């Protein structure tokens, strides 16, 4: 989960310590979002954009 707590915009990066085959943005109950944000993936690095005070949950699928 990502959380922006300071009232600004943020671009956090997550580096996965394992291989993953898919990525899904979910709500807080971890149900897939129909029109969720599109994180940028580059290898094991995932970068997201957060609005002020936004919470974001990502589900990674292992191959």
PDB file of N, CA and C in Angstrom:
ATOM      1  N   UNK A   1       0.843  -1.183   0.000  1.00  0.00           N
ATOM      2  CA  UNK A   1       0.000   0.000   0.000  1.00  0.00           C
ATOM      3  C   UNK A   1       0.878   1.232   0.000  1.00  0.00           C
ATOM      4  N   UNK A   2       0.393   2.245  -0.677  1.00  0.00           N
ATOM      5  CA  UNK A   2       1.044   3.547  -0.707  1.00  0.00           C
ATOM      6  C   UNK A   2       0.113   4.546  -0.036  1.00  0.00           C
ATOM      7  N   UNK A   3       0.679   5.544   0.640  1.00  0.00           N
ATOM      8  CA  UNK A   3      -0.117   6.566   1.310  1.00  0.00           C
ATOM      9  C   UNK A   3       0.629   7.881   1.240  1.00  0.00           C
ATOM     10  N   UNK A   4      -0.037   8.912   0.739  1.00  0.00           N
ATOM     11  CA  UNK A   4       0.547  10.254   0.714  1.00  0.00           C
ATOM     12  C   UNK A   4      -0.032  10.989   1.918  1.00  0.00           C
ATOM     13  N   UNK A   5       0.799  11.353   2.887  1.00  0.00           N
ATOM     14  CA  UNK A   5       0.326  11.886   4.163  1.00  0.00           C
ATOM     15  C   UNK A   5       0.579  13.372   4.380  1.00  0.00           C
ATOM     16  N   UNK A   6       1.207  14.063   3.425  1.00  0.00           N
ATOM     17  CA  UNK A   6       1.609  15.445   3.660  1.00  0.00           C
ATOM     18  C   UNK A   6       0.820  16.474   2.866  1.00  0.00           C
ATOM     19  N   UNK A   7      -0.195  16.051   2.122  1.00  0.00           N
ATOM     20  CA  UNK A   7      -1.025  16.993   1.379  1.00  0.00           C
ATOM     21  C   UNK A   7      -0.424  17.452   0.070  1.00  0.00           C
ATOM     22  N   UNK A   8       0.521  16.738  -0.471  1.00  0.00           N
ATOM     23  CA  UNK A   8       1.126  17.092  -1.747  1.00  0.00           C
ATOM     24  C   UNK A   8       1.037  15.929  -2.720  1.00  0.00           C
ATOM     25  N   UNK A   9       1.625  16.096  -3.860  1.00  0.00           N
ATOM     26  CA  UNK A   9       1.676  15.001  -4.836  1.00  0.00           C
ATOM     27  C   UNK A   9       2.987  14.251  -4.637  1.00  0.00           C
ATOM     28  N   UNK A  10       2.959  12.946  -4.962  1.00  0.00           N
ATOM     29  CA  UNK A  10       4.151  12.123  -4.754  1.00  0.00           C
ATOM     30  C   UNK A  10       4.266  11.104  -5.875  1.00  0.00           C
ATOM     31  N   UNK A  11       5.494  10.643  -6.120  1.00  0.00           N
ATOM     32  CA  UNK A  11       5.777   9.579  -7.097  1.00  0.00           C
ATOM     33  C   UNK A  11       6.653   8.527  -6.431  1.00  0.00           C
ATOM     34  N   UNK A  12       6.062   7.697  -5.559  1.00  0.00           N
ATOM     35  CA  UNK A  12       6.868   6.653  -4.915  1.00  0.00           C
ATOM     36  C   UNK A  12       7.201   5.525  -5.874  1.00  0.00           C
ATOM     37  N   UNK A  13       8.298   4.847  -5.587  1.00  0.00           N
ATOM     38  CA  UNK A  13       8.738   3.698  -6.379  1.00  0.00           C
ATOM     39  C   UNK A  13       8.884   2.497  -5.460  1.00  0.00           C
ATOM     40  N   UNK A  14       8.345   1.379  -5.909  1.00  0.00           N
ATOM     41  CA  UNK A  14       8.465   0.108  -5.205  1.00  0.00           C
ATOM     42  C   UNK A  14       9.345  -0.799  -6.046  1.00  0.00           C
ATOM     43  N   UNK A  15      10.318  -1.440  -5.421  1.00  0.00           N
ATOM     44  CA  UNK A  15      11.131  -2.439  -6.108  1.00  0.00           C
ATOM     45  C   UNK A  15      10.764  -3.792  -5.527  1.00  0.00           C
ATOM     46  N   UNK A  16      10.146  -4.636  -6.351  1.00  0.00           N
ATOM     47  CA  UNK A  16       9.724  -5.962  -5.898  1.00  0.00           C
ATOM     48  C   UNK A  16      10.943  -6.860  -5.732  1.00  0.00           C
ATOM     49  N   UNK A  17      10.950  -7.639  -4.670  1.00  0.00           N
ATOM     50  CA  UNK A  17      12.044  -8.557  -4.412  1.00  0.00           C
ATOM     51  C   UNK A  17      11.785  -9.939  -4.988  1.00  0.00           C
ATOM     52  N   UNK A  18      10.789 -10.040  -5.876  1.00  0.00           N
ATOM     53  CA  UNK A  18      10.432 -11.309  -6.501  1.00  0.00           C
ATOM     54  C   UNK A  18       9.878 -11.019  -7.879  1.00  0.00           C
ATOM     55  N   UNK A  19       9.854 -12.037  -8.732  1.00  0.00           N
ATOM     56  CA  UNK A  19       9.306 -11.872 -10.080  1.00  0.00           C
ATOM     57  C   UNK A  19       7.788 -11.833  -9.999  1.00  0.00           C
ATOM     58  N   UNK A  20       7.172 -10.959 -10.798  1.00  0.00           N
ATOM     59  CA  UNK A  20       5.714 -10.907 -10.843  1.00  0.00           C
ATOM     60  C   UNK A  20       5.273 -10.840 -12.296  1.00  0.00           C
ATOM     61  N   UNK A  21       4.085 -11.405 -12.549  1.00  0.00           N
ATOM     62  CA  UNK A  21       3.590 -11.471 -13.922  1.00  0.00           C
ATOM     63  C   UNK A  21       2.455 -10.502 -14.194  1.00  0.00           C
ATOM     64  N   UNK A  22       1.910  -9.907 -13.164  1.00  0.00           N
ATOM     65  CA  UNK A  22       0.809  -8.974 -13.357  1.00  0.00           C
ATOM     66  C   UNK A  22       0.675  -8.040 -12.177  1.00  0.00           C
ATOM     67  N   UNK A  23      -0.053  -6.962 -12.405  1.00  0.00           N
ATOM     68  CA  UNK A  23      -0.207  -5.908 -11.417  1.00  0.00           C
ATOM     69  C   UNK A  23      -1.628  -5.382 -11.511  1.00  0.00           C
ATOM     70  N   UNK A  24      -2.332  -5.288 -10.375  1.00  0.00           N
ATOM     71  CA  UNK A  24      -3.707  -4.802 -10.352  1.00  0.00           C
ATOM     72  C   UNK A  24      -3.855  -3.772  -9.248  1.00  0.00           C
ATOM     73  N   UNK A  25      -4.471  -2.635  -9.554  1.00  0.00           N
ATOM     74  CA  UNK A  25      -4.826  -1.659  -8.527  1.00  0.00           C
ATOM     75  C   UNK A  25      -6.133  -2.118  -7.892  1.00  0.00           C
ATOM     76  N   UNK A  26      -6.213  -2.045  -6.559  1.00  0.00           N
ATOM     77  CA  UNK A  26      -7.394  -2.520  -5.845  1.00  0.00           C
ATOM     78  C   UNK A  26      -7.913  -1.452  -4.891  1.00  0.00           C
ATOM     79  N   UNK A  27      -9.144  -1.673  -4.389  1.00  0.00           N
ATOM     80  CA  UNK A  27      -9.660  -0.797  -3.345  1.00  0.00           C
ATOM     81  C   UNK A  27      -9.096  -1.270  -2.001  1.00  0.00           C
ATOM     82  N   UNK A  28      -9.529  -0.652  -0.903  1.00  0.00           N
ATOM     83  CA  UNK A  28      -8.960  -1.006   0.398  1.00  0.00           C
ATOM     84  C   UNK A  28      -9.349  -2.405   0.855  1.00  0.00           C
ATOM     85  N   UNK A  29     -10.396  -2.993   0.262  1.00  0.00           N
ATOM     86  CA  UNK A  29     -10.758  -4.373   0.568  1.00  0.00           C
ATOM     87  C   UNK A  29     -10.111  -5.344  -0.411  1.00  0.00           C
ATOM     88  N   UNK A  30      -9.193  -4.838  -1.235  1.00  0.00           N
ATOM     89  CA  UNK A  30      -8.416  -5.580  -2.227  1.00  0.00           C
ATOM     90  C   UNK A  30      -9.271  -6.199  -3.329  1.00  0.00           C
ATOM     91  N   UNK A  31     -10.362  -5.500  -3.679  1.00  0.00           N
ATOM     92  CA  UNK A  31     -11.153  -5.869  -4.851  1.00  0.00           C
ATOM     93  C   UNK A  31     -10.605  -5.076  -6.024  1.00  0.00           C
ATOM     94  N   UNK A  32     -10.421  -5.706  -7.191  1.00  0.00           N
ATOM     95  CA  UNK A  32      -9.872  -4.992  -8.357  1.00  0.00           C
ATOM     96  C   UNK A  32     -10.717  -3.785  -8.727  1.00  0.00           C
ATOM     97  N   UNK A  33     -10.055  -2.689  -9.087  1.00  0.00           N
ATOM     98  CA  UNK A  33     -10.743  -1.480  -9.536  1.00  0.00           C
ATOM     99  C   UNK A  33     -10.987  -1.570 -11.035  1.00  0.00           C
ATOM    100  N   UNK A  34     -12.201  -1.225 -11.458  1.00  0.00           N
ATOM    101  CA  UNK A  34     -12.538  -1.278 -12.885  1.00  0.00           C
ATOM    102  C   UNK A  34     -11.691  -0.290 -13.675  1.00  0.00           C
ATOM    103  N   UNK A  35     -11.569   0.926 -13.173  1.00  0.00           N
ATOM    104  CA  UNK A  35     -10.766   1.948 -13.847  1.00  0.00           C
ATOM    105  C   UNK A  35      -9.753   2.506 -12.868  1.00  0.00           C
ATOM    106  N   UNK A  36      -8.815   1.672 -12.505  1.00  0.00           N
ATOM    107  CA  UNK A  36      -7.809   2.067 -11.537  1.00  0.00           C
ATOM    108  C   UNK A  36      -6.659   2.815 -12.171  1.00  0.00           C
ATOM    109  N   UNK A  37      -5.752   3.304 -11.353  1.00  0.00           N
ATOM    110  CA  UNK A  37      -4.564   3.989 -11.863  1.00  0.00           C
ATOM    111  C   UNK A  37      -3.665   3.022 -12.621  1.00  0.00           C
ATOM    112  N   UNK A  38      -2.857   3.557 -13.494  1.00  0.00           N
ATOM    113  CA  UNK A  38      -1.936   2.760 -14.297  1.00  0.00           C
ATOM    114  C   UNK A  38      -0.509   2.984 -13.811  1.00  0.00           C
ATOM    115  N   UNK A  39      -0.017   2.141 -12.920  1.00  0.00           N
ATOM    116  CA  UNK A  39       1.370   2.285 -12.477  1.00  0.00           C
ATOM    117  C   UNK A  39       2.331   1.984 -13.618  1.00  0.00           C
ATOM    118  N   UNK A  40       3.475   2.631 -13.600  1.00  0.00           N
ATOM    119  CA  UNK A  40       4.503   2.384 -14.608  1.00  0.00           C
ATOM    120  C   UNK A  40       5.426   1.286 -14.107  1.00  0.00           C
ATOM    121  N   UNK A  41       5.633   0.262 -14.921  1.00  0.00           N
ATOM    122  CA  UNK A  41       6.508  -0.860 -14.558  1.00  0.00           C
ATOM    123  C   UNK A  41       7.739  -0.866 -15.460  1.00  0.00           C
ATOM    124  N   UNK A  42       8.879  -1.048 -14.832  1.00  0.00           N
ATOM    125  CA  UNK A  42      10.139  -1.170 -15.562  1.00  0.00           C
ATOM    126  C   UNK A  42      10.953  -2.246 -14.850  1.00  0.00           C
ATOM    127  N   UNK A  43      10.855  -3.467 -15.350  1.00  0.00           N
ATOM    128  CA  UNK A  43      11.493  -4.588 -14.664  1.00  0.00           C
ATOM    129  C   UNK A  43      10.798  -4.850 -13.346  1.00  0.00           C
ATOM    130  N   UNK A  44      11.555  -4.833 -12.252  1.00  0.00           N
ATOM    131  CA  UNK A  44      10.988  -5.058 -10.926  1.00  0.00           C
ATOM    132  C   UNK A  44      10.558  -3.763 -10.246  1.00  0.00           C
ATOM    133  N   UNK A  45      10.761  -2.620 -10.923  1.00  0.00           N
ATOM    134  CA  UNK A  45      10.427  -1.318 -10.340  1.00  0.00           C
ATOM    135  C   UNK A  45       9.036  -0.875 -10.772  1.00  0.00           C
ATOM    136  N   UNK A  46       8.235  -0.439  -9.812  1.00  0.00           N
ATOM    137  CA  UNK A  46       6.882   0.040 -10.060  1.00  0.00           C
ATOM    138  C   UNK A  46       6.802   1.464  -9.532  1.00  0.00           C
ATOM    139  N   UNK A  47       6.402   2.405 -10.382  1.00  0.00           N
ATOM    140  CA  UNK A  47       6.269   3.796  -9.988  1.00  0.00           C
ATOM    141  C   UNK A  47       4.811   4.202 -10.122  1.00  0.00           C
ATOM    142  N   UNK A  48       4.294   4.862  -9.094  1.00  0.00           N
ATOM    143  CA  UNK A  48       2.900   5.315  -9.106  1.00  0.00           C
ATOM    144  C   UNK A  48       2.859   6.820  -8.858  1.00  0.00           C
ATOM    145  N   UNK A  49       1.732   7.429  -9.192  1.00  0.00           N
ATOM    146  CA  UNK A  49       1.507   8.848  -8.907  1.00  0.00           C
ATOM    147  C   UNK A  49       0.386   8.950  -7.889  1.00  0.00           C
ATOM    148  N   UNK A  50       0.651   9.679  -6.818  1.00  0.00           N
ATOM    149  CA  UNK A  50      -0.338   9.846  -5.763  1.00  0.00           C
ATOM    150  C   UNK A  50      -0.783  11.290  -5.667  1.00  0.00           C
ATOM    151  N   UNK A  51      -2.078  11.484  -5.473  1.00  0.00           N
ATOM    152  CA  UNK A  51      -2.643  12.810  -5.218  1.00  0.00           C
ATOM    153  C   UNK A  51      -2.548  13.078  -3.721  1.00  0.00           C
ATOM    154  N   UNK A  52      -2.834  14.303  -3.283  1.00  0.00           N
ATOM    155  CA  UNK A  52      -2.785  14.595  -1.848  1.00  0.00           C
ATOM    156  C   UNK A  52      -3.689  13.659  -1.038  1.00  0.00           C
ATOM    157  N   UNK A  53      -3.139  13.072   0.007  1.00  0.00           N
ATOM    158  CA  UNK A  53      -3.832  12.196   0.960  1.00  0.00           C
ATOM    159  C   UNK A  53      -4.406  10.930   0.333  1.00  0.00           C
ATOM    160  N   UNK A  54      -3.920  10.535  -0.825  1.00  0.00           N
ATOM    161  CA  UNK A  54      -4.434   9.343  -1.497  1.00  0.00           C
ATOM    162  C   UNK A  54      -3.830   8.072  -0.907  1.00  0.00           C
ATOM    163  N   UNK A  55      -4.654   7.027  -0.844  1.00  0.00           N
ATOM    164  CA  UNK A  55      -4.220   5.676  -0.496  1.00  0.00           C
ATOM    165  C   UNK A  55      -4.287   4.840  -1.761  1.00  0.00           C
ATOM    166  N   UNK A  56      -3.292   3.996  -1.983  1.00  0.00           N
ATOM    167  CA  UNK A  56      -3.309   3.129  -3.159  1.00  0.00           C
ATOM    168  C   UNK A  56      -2.811   1.749  -2.750  1.00  0.00           C
ATOM    169  N   UNK A  57      -3.562   0.730  -3.168  1.00  0.00           N
ATOM    170  CA  UNK A  57      -3.187  -0.656  -2.901  1.00  0.00           C
ATOM    171  C   UNK A  57      -2.947  -1.347  -4.231  1.00  0.00           C
ATOM    172  N   UNK A  58      -1.824  -2.040  -4.343  1.00  0.00           N
ATOM    173  CA  UNK A  58      -1.499  -2.800  -5.545  1.00  0.00           C
ATOM    174  C   UNK A  58      -1.403  -4.273  -5.202  1.00  0.00           C
ATOM    175  N   UNK A  59      -1.900  -5.114  -6.102  1.00  0.00           N
ATOM    176  CA  UNK A  59      -1.768  -6.554  -5.953  1.00  0.00           C
ATOM    177  C   UNK A  59      -0.838  -7.062  -7.054  1.00  0.00           C
ATOM    178  N   UNK A  60       0.224  -7.725  -6.645  1.00  0.00           N
ATOM    179  CA  UNK A  60       1.178  -8.296  -7.592  1.00  0.00           C
ATOM    180  C   UNK A  60       0.908  -9.801  -7.711  1.00  0.00           C
ATOM    181  N   UNK A  61       0.904 -10.302  -8.940  1.00  0.00           N
ATOM    182  CA  UNK A  61       0.705 -11.743  -9.179  1.00  0.00           C
ATOM    183  C   UNK A  61       2.038 -12.391  -9.489  1.00  0.00           C
ATOM    184  N   UNK A  62       2.308 -13.485  -8.807  1.00  0.00           N
ATOM    185  CA  UNK A  62       3.521 -14.261  -9.100  1.00  0.00           C
ATOM    186  C   UNK A  62       3.275 -15.117 -10.337  1.00  0.00           C
ATOM    187  N   UNK A  63       4.332 -15.383 -11.107  1.00  0.00           N
ATOM    188  CA  UNK A  63       4.153 -16.219 -12.315  1.00  0.00           C
ATOM    189  C   UNK A  63       3.799 -17.653 -11.991  1.00  0.00           C
TER     190      UNK A  63
END
